[in-house]
Amino acid sequence: MADVFPSIRGKNLNKRRLTVPDDFSGKNLIVIVAFQRWHQPHVDATFERFEATGLQHTHHIIEVPVLANFSRLRQMRLDGVMRAGIQDRTVRERTITVYLDKARFRAEVGISDESSIHWFVIRHDSNIVIQRGEGIPSSKEVEHITANSV
């Protein structure tokens, strides 16, 4: 697979502006993409599965809620609501909300619809997607990520 993950700009819930995947270096990046509020339990289960095997020590792991490109005022309101619901600074740091043309983004990364979460393992030195999946990763998928850690 030689797909390159597109550069997307967002702000984490600690209000820090970041570009994914460009601002993450030194180790490979796992991006968990969610489109719907009801995806959150799936995102949480995915983090638990990755962290249970220690992947947070060999990879950056982030959550990227992908939202439509709303007005600035609506973006500020949504960011505030999300911040209020998440008190843990570590979780806020790793949650990077992006507001963009969702259909275009889905086309760029090969996601046909918004019915489930998707995750991508991205090489830190090239932004090439080296593994991807849909939904909560299986044990076999997590083993594959672990076995191919750089």
Protein backbone atom coordinates (compact mmCIF):
# COMPACT_ATOMS: atom_id res chain seq x y z
CA MET A 1 0.00 0.00 0.00
CA ALA A 2 1.49 3.35 -1.00
CA ASP A 3 -1.30 5.67 0.12
CA VAL A 4 -0.19 8.90 1.75
CA PHE A 5 -2.34 10.24 4.55
CA PRO A 6 -3.38 13.82 3.72
CA SER A 7 -2.28 16.74 5.90
CA ILE A 8 -5.26 18.00 7.89
CA ARG A 9 -5.27 20.91 10.31
CA GLY A 10 -7.13 20.98 13.56
CA LYS A 11 -6.99 21.95 17.17
CA ASN A 12 -6.75 19.61 20.13
CA LEU A 13 -9.05 20.03 23.11
CA ASN A 14 -6.26 21.89 24.95
CA LYS A 15 -6.61 24.51 22.16
CA ARG A 16 -3.27 23.71 20.50
CA ARG A 17 -3.23 23.91 16.68
CA LEU A 18 -1.77 20.82 15.01
CA THR A 19 -1.37 19.37 11.54
CA VAL A 20 -1.97 15.64 11.28
CA PRO A 21 0.19 13.71 10.51
CA ASP A 22 2.96 16.27 9.92
CA ASP A 23 3.34 17.43 13.55
CA PHE A 24 3.98 13.92 14.85
CA SER A 25 7.53 12.66 14.45
CA GLY A 26 9.98 10.23 15.98
CA LYS A 27 7.64 7.26 15.93
CA ASN A 28 4.79 6.01 13.79
CA LEU A 29 1.35 7.51 14.27
CA ILE A 30 -1.98 5.78 14.77
CA VAL A 31 -4.92 7.99 13.81
CA ILE A 32 -8.39 6.93 14.94
CA VAL A 33 -10.97 8.74 12.81
CA ALA A 34 -14.55 9.20 14.02
CA PHE A 35 -17.44 10.93 12.28
CA GLN A 36 -20.37 10.55 14.69
CA ARG A 37 -20.84 11.21 18.40
CA TRP A 38 -22.08 7.64 18.87
CA HIS A 39 -18.68 6.39 17.66
CA GLN A 40 -17.08 7.41 20.99
CA PRO A 41 -17.47 4.01 22.71
CA HIS A 42 -15.76 2.41 19.68
CA VAL A 43 -12.94 4.98 19.85
CA ASP A 44 -12.52 4.33 23.59
CA ALA A 45 -12.45 0.55 23.03
CA THR A 46 -9.85 1.01 20.28
CA PHE A 47 -7.62 3.08 22.57
CA GLU A 48 -7.99 0.41 25.27
CA ARG A 49 -7.03 -2.35 22.84
CA PHE A 50 -3.96 -0.43 21.59
CA GLU A 51 -2.83 0.63 25.06
CA ALA A 52 -3.30 -2.88 26.53
CA THR A 53 -0.41 -4.00 24.32
CA GLY A 54 1.77 -0.96 25.06
CA LEU A 55 1.46 0.60 21.59
CA GLN A 56 1.40 4.08 23.17
CA HIS A 57 5.12 3.56 23.93
CA THR A 58 6.05 2.81 20.32
CA HIS A 59 3.49 4.97 18.51
CA HIS A 60 1.75 8.30 18.84
CA ILE A 61 -1.98 7.49 19.12
CA ILE A 62 -4.56 10.19 18.48
CA GLU A 63 -8.29 10.54 17.96
CA VAL A 64 -9.47 12.75 15.12
CA PRO A 65 -13.16 13.69 15.19
CA VAL A 66 -13.96 14.81 11.63
CA LEU A 67 -16.71 17.42 11.50
CA ALA A 68 -18.25 19.46 8.70
CA ASN A 69 -16.74 22.87 8.03
CA PHE A 70 -19.17 24.84 10.22
CA SER A 71 -19.04 28.58 10.93
CA ARG A 72 -16.32 29.73 13.32
CA LEU A 73 -18.91 30.44 16.02
CA ARG A 74 -20.37 26.93 15.75
CA GLN A 75 -16.87 25.41 15.81
CA MET A 76 -16.07 27.30 19.02
CA ARG A 77 -19.32 26.08 20.59
CA LEU A 78 -18.70 22.45 19.61
CA ASP A 79 -15.10 22.60 20.85
CA GLY A 80 -16.34 24.01 24.16
CA VAL A 81 -18.93 21.26 24.54
CA MET A 82 -16.29 18.57 23.85
CA ARG A 83 -13.82 20.18 26.28
CA ALA A 84 -16.48 20.34 28.98
CA GLY A 85 -17.18 16.63 28.55
CA ILE A 86 -13.52 15.60 28.74
CA GLN A 87 -11.67 16.65 31.89
CA ASP A 88 -8.56 14.47 31.43
CA ARG A 89 -5.77 16.65 29.95
CA THR A 90 -4.10 13.63 28.33
CA VAL A 91 -7.29 12.73 26.48
CA ARG A 92 -7.75 16.39 25.51
CA GLU A 93 -4.18 16.49 24.18
CA ARG A 94 -4.67 13.45 21.96
CA THR A 95 -8.10 14.52 20.61
CA ILE A 96 -7.64 16.73 17.55
CA THR A 97 -10.86 18.03 16.03
CA VAL A 98 -10.82 18.91 12.34
CA TYR A 99 -13.46 20.88 10.47
CA LEU A 100 -13.36 20.21 6.74
CA ASP A 101 -15.15 18.96 3.68
CA LYS A 102 -15.97 15.50 4.99
CA ALA A 103 -16.81 13.96 1.60
CA ARG A 104 -13.50 15.14 0.15
CA PHE A 105 -11.55 13.82 3.15
CA ARG A 106 -13.33 10.44 2.94
CA ALA A 107 -12.46 10.23 -0.75
CA GLU A 108 -8.80 11.07 -0.05
CA VAL A 109 -8.45 8.30 2.53
CA GLY A 110 -10.75 5.76 0.90
CA ILE A 111 -13.64 5.76 3.38
CA SER A 112 -16.98 5.11 1.66
CA ASP A 113 -19.31 6.26 4.44
CA GLU A 114 -19.44 7.48 8.04
CA SER A 115 -21.02 4.39 9.59
CA SER A 116 -18.00 3.36 11.67
CA ILE A 117 -14.63 4.47 12.94
CA HIS A 118 -11.48 3.94 10.88
CA TRP A 119 -7.88 3.78 12.01
CA PHE A 120 -4.63 4.30 10.15
CA VAL A 121 -1.02 3.47 11.02
CA ILE A 122 1.19 6.11 9.38
CA ARG A 123 4.97 6.03 8.94
CA HIS A 124 6.52 8.97 10.74
CA ASP A 125 9.11 9.63 8.03
CA SER A 126 6.86 9.59 4.97
CA ASN A 127 3.19 9.88 6.00
CA ILE A 128 2.55 6.64 4.13
CA VAL A 129 -0.31 4.53 5.47
CA ILE A 130 1.20 1.15 6.32
CA GLN A 131 -1.90 -0.40 7.84
CA ARG A 132 -5.54 0.56 8.16
CA GLY A 133 -8.74 -0.86 9.53
CA GLU A 134 -12.40 -0.23 10.18
CA GLY A 135 -14.11 -0.60 13.54
CA ILE A 136 -12.47 -1.81 16.72
CA PRO A 137 -9.24 -3.59 15.74
CA SER A 138 -9.07 -7.33 16.19
CA SER A 139 -6.36 -8.95 18.28
CA LYS A 140 -4.73 -10.12 15.04
CA GLU A 141 -4.66 -6.54 13.66
CA VAL A 142 -3.10 -5.24 16.88
CA GLU A 143 -0.50 -8.03 16.76
CA HIS A 144 0.32 -7.02 13.19
CA ILE A 145 0.86 -3.40 14.25
CA THR A 146 3.03 -4.50 17.16
CA ALA A 147 5.09 -6.88 14.99
CA ASN A 148 5.72 -4.14 12.41
CA SER A 149 6.66 -1.37 14.85
CA VAL A 150 9.60 0.68 13.62
